[in-house]
N, C-alpha and C. Protein backbone atom coordinates (compact mmCIF):
# COMPACT_ATOMS: atom_id res chain seq x y z
N MET A 1 -10.11 1.57 -20.58
CA MET A 1 -9.45 2.86 -20.41
C MET A 1 -10.41 3.82 -19.72
N SER A 2 -9.89 4.56 -18.77
CA SER A 2 -10.71 5.49 -17.99
C SER A 2 -11.03 6.75 -18.77
N LYS A 3 -12.16 7.31 -18.44
CA LYS A 3 -12.54 8.61 -19.02
C LYS A 3 -11.70 9.70 -18.36
N GLY A 4 -11.73 10.88 -18.96
CA GLY A 4 -11.04 12.04 -18.41
C GLY A 4 -12.06 13.12 -18.10
N TYR A 5 -11.81 13.87 -17.05
CA TYR A 5 -12.73 14.92 -16.60
C TYR A 5 -11.97 16.21 -16.34
N VAL A 6 -12.58 17.31 -16.71
CA VAL A 6 -12.07 18.63 -16.36
C VAL A 6 -13.15 19.27 -15.50
N ILE A 7 -12.75 19.69 -14.29
CA ILE A 7 -13.70 20.24 -13.34
C ILE A 7 -13.33 21.68 -13.03
N PHE A 8 -14.32 22.55 -13.16
CA PHE A 8 -14.17 23.97 -12.86
C PHE A 8 -15.06 24.32 -11.68
N THR A 9 -14.56 25.10 -10.73
CA THR A 9 -15.43 25.79 -9.78
C THR A 9 -15.18 27.28 -10.01
N GLU A 10 -16.27 28.02 -10.11
CA GLU A 10 -16.15 29.42 -10.52
C GLU A 10 -16.94 30.35 -9.61
N LYS A 11 -16.27 31.36 -9.11
CA LYS A 11 -16.91 32.45 -8.38
C LYS A 11 -17.09 33.58 -9.39
N ILE A 12 -18.32 33.77 -9.81
CA ILE A 12 -18.61 34.69 -10.91
C ILE A 12 -18.44 36.14 -10.45
N THR A 13 -17.70 36.90 -11.24
CA THR A 13 -17.54 38.33 -10.99
C THR A 13 -18.21 39.18 -12.06
N ASN A 14 -18.48 38.57 -13.23
CA ASN A 14 -19.13 39.29 -14.32
C ASN A 14 -19.94 38.27 -15.14
N GLN A 15 -21.23 38.17 -14.85
CA GLN A 15 -22.08 37.16 -15.49
C GLN A 15 -22.12 37.32 -17.01
N GLN A 16 -22.22 38.55 -17.49
CA GLN A 16 -22.28 38.78 -18.93
C GLN A 16 -21.01 38.29 -19.62
N ALA A 17 -19.87 38.56 -19.00
CA ALA A 17 -18.60 38.10 -19.57
C ALA A 17 -18.49 36.58 -19.50
N LEU A 18 -19.02 35.98 -18.43
CA LEU A 18 -18.99 34.52 -18.32
C LEU A 18 -19.87 33.88 -19.39
N ASP A 19 -21.02 34.49 -19.67
CA ASP A 19 -21.89 33.98 -20.74
C ASP A 19 -21.18 34.04 -22.09
N ALA A 20 -20.44 35.12 -22.34
CA ALA A 20 -19.70 35.24 -23.59
C ALA A 20 -18.59 34.18 -23.66
N TYR A 21 -17.92 33.94 -22.54
CA TYR A 21 -16.89 32.90 -22.48
C TYR A 21 -17.51 31.53 -22.80
N ALA A 22 -18.64 31.22 -22.15
CA ALA A 22 -19.29 29.93 -22.37
C ALA A 22 -19.65 29.74 -23.84
N ALA A 23 -20.17 30.78 -24.46
CA ALA A 23 -20.55 30.70 -25.87
C ALA A 23 -19.33 30.41 -26.75
N ALA A 24 -18.18 30.94 -26.36
CA ALA A 24 -16.96 30.70 -27.14
C ALA A 24 -16.31 29.35 -26.79
N ALA A 25 -16.43 28.92 -25.52
CA ALA A 25 -15.76 27.70 -25.07
C ALA A 25 -16.50 26.42 -25.47
N VAL A 26 -17.82 26.44 -25.45
CA VAL A 26 -18.60 25.22 -25.73
C VAL A 26 -18.24 24.60 -27.09
N PRO A 27 -18.13 25.37 -28.16
CA PRO A 27 -17.75 24.73 -29.43
C PRO A 27 -16.39 24.03 -29.37
N THR A 28 -15.46 24.52 -28.55
CA THR A 28 -14.17 23.85 -28.45
C THR A 28 -14.30 22.52 -27.73
N VAL A 29 -15.19 22.45 -26.74
CA VAL A 29 -15.45 21.20 -26.01
C VAL A 29 -16.06 20.18 -26.97
N ILE A 30 -17.09 20.61 -27.70
CA ILE A 30 -17.77 19.70 -28.63
C ILE A 30 -16.80 19.20 -29.70
N ALA A 31 -15.99 20.10 -30.24
CA ALA A 31 -15.04 19.71 -31.29
C ALA A 31 -14.02 18.68 -30.78
N ALA A 32 -13.73 18.72 -29.47
CA ALA A 32 -12.77 17.78 -28.88
C ALA A 32 -13.44 16.51 -28.39
N GLY A 33 -14.75 16.38 -28.63
CA GLY A 33 -15.46 15.17 -28.23
C GLY A 33 -15.91 15.18 -26.78
N GLY A 34 -15.89 16.34 -26.15
CA GLY A 34 -16.28 16.43 -24.75
C GLY A 34 -17.76 16.71 -24.58
N THR A 35 -18.23 16.47 -23.35
CA THR A 35 -19.63 16.70 -22.99
C THR A 35 -19.67 17.31 -21.60
N ALA A 36 -20.49 18.33 -21.42
CA ALA A 36 -20.72 18.88 -20.08
C ALA A 36 -21.72 17.99 -19.38
N ILE A 37 -21.33 17.41 -18.24
CA ILE A 37 -22.26 16.55 -17.50
C ILE A 37 -22.81 17.23 -16.25
N ILE A 38 -22.16 18.30 -15.83
CA ILE A 38 -22.66 19.14 -14.73
C ILE A 38 -22.32 20.58 -15.09
N ALA A 39 -23.28 21.47 -14.92
CA ALA A 39 -23.03 22.89 -15.14
C ALA A 39 -24.05 23.68 -14.34
N GLY A 40 -23.65 24.15 -13.18
CA GLY A 40 -24.56 24.94 -12.37
C GLY A 40 -24.15 24.97 -10.92
N PRO A 41 -25.00 25.58 -10.10
CA PRO A 41 -24.71 25.65 -8.66
C PRO A 41 -24.99 24.30 -8.00
N PRO A 42 -24.37 24.04 -6.86
CA PRO A 42 -24.67 22.80 -6.17
C PRO A 42 -26.12 22.79 -5.68
N THR A 43 -26.73 21.64 -5.75
CA THR A 43 -28.08 21.48 -5.21
C THR A 43 -28.04 21.54 -3.69
N GLN A 44 -26.99 20.98 -3.12
CA GLN A 44 -26.80 20.98 -1.67
C GLN A 44 -25.31 20.85 -1.39
N VAL A 45 -24.81 21.68 -0.49
CA VAL A 45 -23.45 21.50 0.02
C VAL A 45 -23.59 20.66 1.28
N ALA A 46 -23.22 19.40 1.20
CA ALA A 46 -23.44 18.46 2.30
C ALA A 46 -22.40 18.62 3.41
N GLU A 47 -21.20 19.03 3.05
CA GLU A 47 -20.15 19.22 4.05
C GLU A 47 -19.19 20.30 3.58
N GLY A 48 -18.64 21.03 4.52
CA GLY A 48 -17.59 22.00 4.23
C GLY A 48 -18.08 23.22 3.48
N ASP A 49 -17.11 23.97 2.96
CA ASP A 49 -17.38 25.17 2.19
C ASP A 49 -17.08 24.87 0.73
N TRP A 50 -18.00 25.23 -0.14
CA TRP A 50 -17.82 24.99 -1.57
C TRP A 50 -17.34 26.27 -2.22
N HIS A 51 -16.31 26.18 -3.02
CA HIS A 51 -15.79 27.37 -3.71
C HIS A 51 -16.69 27.70 -4.90
N GLY A 52 -17.05 28.93 -4.99
CA GLY A 52 -17.68 29.41 -6.20
C GLY A 52 -19.19 29.32 -6.24
N ASP A 53 -19.72 29.88 -7.31
CA ASP A 53 -21.16 29.93 -7.55
C ASP A 53 -21.62 28.76 -8.42
N ILE A 54 -20.74 28.33 -9.33
CA ILE A 54 -21.10 27.23 -10.23
C ILE A 54 -19.94 26.24 -10.33
N THR A 55 -20.30 25.02 -10.65
CA THR A 55 -19.33 23.97 -10.93
C THR A 55 -19.66 23.41 -12.30
N VAL A 56 -18.62 23.19 -13.08
CA VAL A 56 -18.79 22.60 -14.41
C VAL A 56 -17.90 21.37 -14.47
N VAL A 57 -18.48 20.25 -14.90
CA VAL A 57 -17.72 19.02 -15.09
C VAL A 57 -17.85 18.62 -16.55
N LEU A 58 -16.70 18.54 -17.22
CA LEU A 58 -16.65 18.11 -18.61
C LEU A 58 -16.10 16.69 -18.65
N GLU A 59 -16.73 15.85 -19.47
CA GLU A 59 -16.31 14.46 -19.61
C GLU A 59 -15.75 14.23 -21.00
N PHE A 60 -14.61 13.54 -21.07
CA PHE A 60 -13.97 13.18 -22.33
C PHE A 60 -13.74 11.68 -22.35
N ASP A 61 -13.57 11.10 -23.52
CA ASP A 61 -13.39 9.66 -23.65
C ASP A 61 -12.17 9.13 -22.92
N THR A 62 -11.13 9.96 -22.83
CA THR A 62 -9.88 9.54 -22.18
C THR A 62 -9.28 10.71 -21.41
N LEU A 63 -8.36 10.39 -20.51
CA LEU A 63 -7.62 11.42 -19.80
C LEU A 63 -6.81 12.26 -20.78
N ASP A 64 -6.18 11.61 -21.75
CA ASP A 64 -5.40 12.35 -22.75
C ASP A 64 -6.27 13.32 -23.53
N ALA A 65 -7.51 12.93 -23.85
CA ALA A 65 -8.41 13.83 -24.57
C ALA A 65 -8.76 15.04 -23.71
N ALA A 66 -8.97 14.83 -22.42
CA ALA A 66 -9.27 15.95 -21.51
C ALA A 66 -8.09 16.91 -21.44
N ARG A 67 -6.91 16.36 -21.28
CA ARG A 67 -5.70 17.19 -21.22
C ARG A 67 -5.49 17.93 -22.54
N SER A 68 -5.65 17.22 -23.63
CA SER A 68 -5.45 17.84 -24.95
C SER A 68 -6.40 19.00 -25.18
N TRP A 69 -7.68 18.81 -24.80
CA TRP A 69 -8.64 19.90 -24.96
C TRP A 69 -8.21 21.10 -24.13
N TYR A 70 -7.94 20.88 -22.84
CA TYR A 70 -7.62 22.01 -21.96
C TYR A 70 -6.40 22.79 -22.46
N HIS A 71 -5.39 22.09 -22.91
CA HIS A 71 -4.15 22.74 -23.34
C HIS A 71 -4.15 23.16 -24.81
N SER A 72 -5.25 22.88 -25.52
CA SER A 72 -5.31 23.21 -26.94
C SER A 72 -5.29 24.73 -27.17
N ALA A 73 -4.77 25.10 -28.31
CA ALA A 73 -4.77 26.51 -28.69
C ALA A 73 -6.20 27.04 -28.80
N ASP A 74 -7.11 26.21 -29.32
CA ASP A 74 -8.51 26.64 -29.46
C ASP A 74 -9.11 27.03 -28.11
N TYR A 75 -8.90 26.19 -27.08
CA TYR A 75 -9.47 26.52 -25.78
C TYR A 75 -8.68 27.63 -25.09
N GLN A 76 -7.37 27.57 -25.13
CA GLN A 76 -6.57 28.57 -24.44
C GLN A 76 -6.81 29.98 -24.99
N THR A 77 -7.23 30.07 -26.24
CA THR A 77 -7.57 31.37 -26.82
C THR A 77 -8.75 32.00 -26.10
N VAL A 78 -9.70 31.19 -25.64
CA VAL A 78 -10.89 31.73 -24.96
C VAL A 78 -10.79 31.68 -23.44
N ALA A 79 -9.80 30.96 -22.89
CA ALA A 79 -9.69 30.82 -21.43
C ALA A 79 -9.53 32.17 -20.74
N SER A 80 -8.87 33.12 -21.38
CA SER A 80 -8.69 34.44 -20.76
C SER A 80 -10.03 35.12 -20.52
N GLN A 81 -11.04 34.81 -21.33
CA GLN A 81 -12.37 35.38 -21.10
C GLN A 81 -12.93 34.88 -19.75
N ARG A 82 -12.66 33.62 -19.41
CA ARG A 82 -13.10 33.09 -18.12
C ARG A 82 -12.36 33.80 -16.99
N HIS A 83 -11.08 34.04 -17.17
CA HIS A 83 -10.30 34.73 -16.15
C HIS A 83 -10.84 36.13 -15.88
N ASP A 84 -11.37 36.76 -16.92
CA ASP A 84 -11.95 38.10 -16.77
C ASP A 84 -13.34 38.07 -16.14
N ALA A 85 -13.99 36.89 -16.12
CA ALA A 85 -15.38 36.79 -15.68
C ALA A 85 -15.57 36.10 -14.34
N ALA A 86 -14.54 35.37 -13.88
CA ALA A 86 -14.71 34.58 -12.67
C ALA A 86 -13.35 34.24 -12.07
N THR A 87 -13.38 33.99 -10.77
CA THR A 87 -12.23 33.40 -10.10
C THR A 87 -12.45 31.90 -10.12
N SER A 88 -11.52 31.16 -10.71
CA SER A 88 -11.76 29.75 -10.98
C SER A 88 -10.71 28.84 -10.36
N ASN A 89 -11.14 27.64 -10.07
CA ASN A 89 -10.25 26.51 -9.82
C ASN A 89 -10.52 25.53 -10.94
N VAL A 90 -9.47 24.95 -11.50
CA VAL A 90 -9.62 23.97 -12.57
C VAL A 90 -8.71 22.79 -12.26
N ALA A 91 -9.25 21.59 -12.39
CA ALA A 91 -8.46 20.38 -12.19
C ALA A 91 -8.86 19.35 -13.24
N ILE A 92 -7.89 18.53 -13.62
CA ILE A 92 -8.13 17.46 -14.58
C ILE A 92 -8.00 16.13 -13.83
N PHE A 93 -8.98 15.26 -14.02
CA PHE A 93 -9.03 14.00 -13.30
C PHE A 93 -9.12 12.83 -14.26
N GLU A 94 -8.56 11.71 -13.84
CA GLU A 94 -8.78 10.45 -14.53
C GLU A 94 -9.96 9.76 -13.87
N GLY A 95 -10.86 9.22 -14.66
CA GLY A 95 -12.01 8.51 -14.13
C GLY A 95 -11.59 7.28 -13.35
N PHE A 96 -12.48 6.78 -12.55
CA PHE A 96 -12.22 5.60 -11.71
C PHE A 96 -12.86 4.38 -12.33
N ASP A 97 -12.06 3.36 -12.52
CA ASP A 97 -12.57 2.08 -13.00
C ASP A 97 -12.52 1.12 -11.82
N PRO A 98 -13.68 0.77 -11.26
CA PRO A 98 -13.66 -0.12 -10.09
C PRO A 98 -13.10 -1.49 -10.46
N PRO A 99 -12.48 -2.15 -9.48
CA PRO A 99 -11.96 -3.48 -9.78
C PRO A 99 -13.10 -4.44 -10.09
N ALA A 100 -12.79 -5.44 -10.88
CA ALA A 100 -13.80 -6.44 -11.23
C ALA A 100 -14.20 -7.23 -10.00
N ALA A 101 -15.47 -7.52 -9.87
CA ALA A 101 -15.96 -8.34 -8.77
C ALA A 101 -15.57 -9.79 -9.02
N PRO A 102 -15.30 -10.55 -7.96
CA PRO A 102 -14.99 -11.96 -8.17
C PRO A 102 -16.20 -12.70 -8.72
N PRO A 103 -15.97 -13.76 -9.46
CA PRO A 103 -17.10 -14.51 -10.02
C PRO A 103 -17.96 -15.11 -8.92
N LEU A 104 -19.23 -15.20 -9.20
CA LEU A 104 -20.17 -15.78 -8.24
C LEU A 104 -20.48 -17.22 -8.65
N ASP A 105 -19.45 -18.05 -8.62
CA ASP A 105 -19.64 -19.43 -9.08
C ASP A 105 -19.96 -20.40 -7.95
N GLY A 106 -20.02 -19.90 -6.72
CA GLY A 106 -20.35 -20.75 -5.59
C GLY A 106 -19.17 -21.52 -5.04
N ALA A 107 -18.00 -21.44 -5.68
CA ALA A 107 -16.84 -22.21 -5.23
C ALA A 107 -16.40 -21.81 -3.83
N ALA A 108 -16.52 -20.54 -3.50
CA ALA A 108 -16.09 -20.08 -2.19
C ALA A 108 -16.97 -20.60 -1.08
N SER A 109 -18.22 -20.93 -1.38
CA SER A 109 -19.15 -21.38 -0.33
C SER A 109 -19.12 -22.88 -0.13
N GLN A 110 -18.40 -23.60 -0.98
CA GLN A 110 -18.32 -25.06 -0.83
C GLN A 110 -17.23 -25.41 0.18
N THR A 111 -17.51 -26.37 1.04
CA THR A 111 -16.49 -26.78 2.01
C THR A 111 -16.11 -28.22 1.84
């Protein structure tokens, strides 16, 4: 089963308010079994224009867990604080499970 991810890009308009939002939001992520795997500005924008000052990527065990956290009453109660502190884009993604590699049994090389 694939992991689930919630990705935020945020153009900060009020750093103090964003800090207060983060302090309120982090416990909801932890309670839902999520982990922040990226939180900060890009090290390098390799192509195009990047929206915002910071990007946050949250990882959950499943796509359903990511969706459940985002839509939960606990998180939605604090989401308005983010709206007051930043202009955000938020998307929920299903992780990618690459296809299994074929076995290396040498059968393909025999003629």
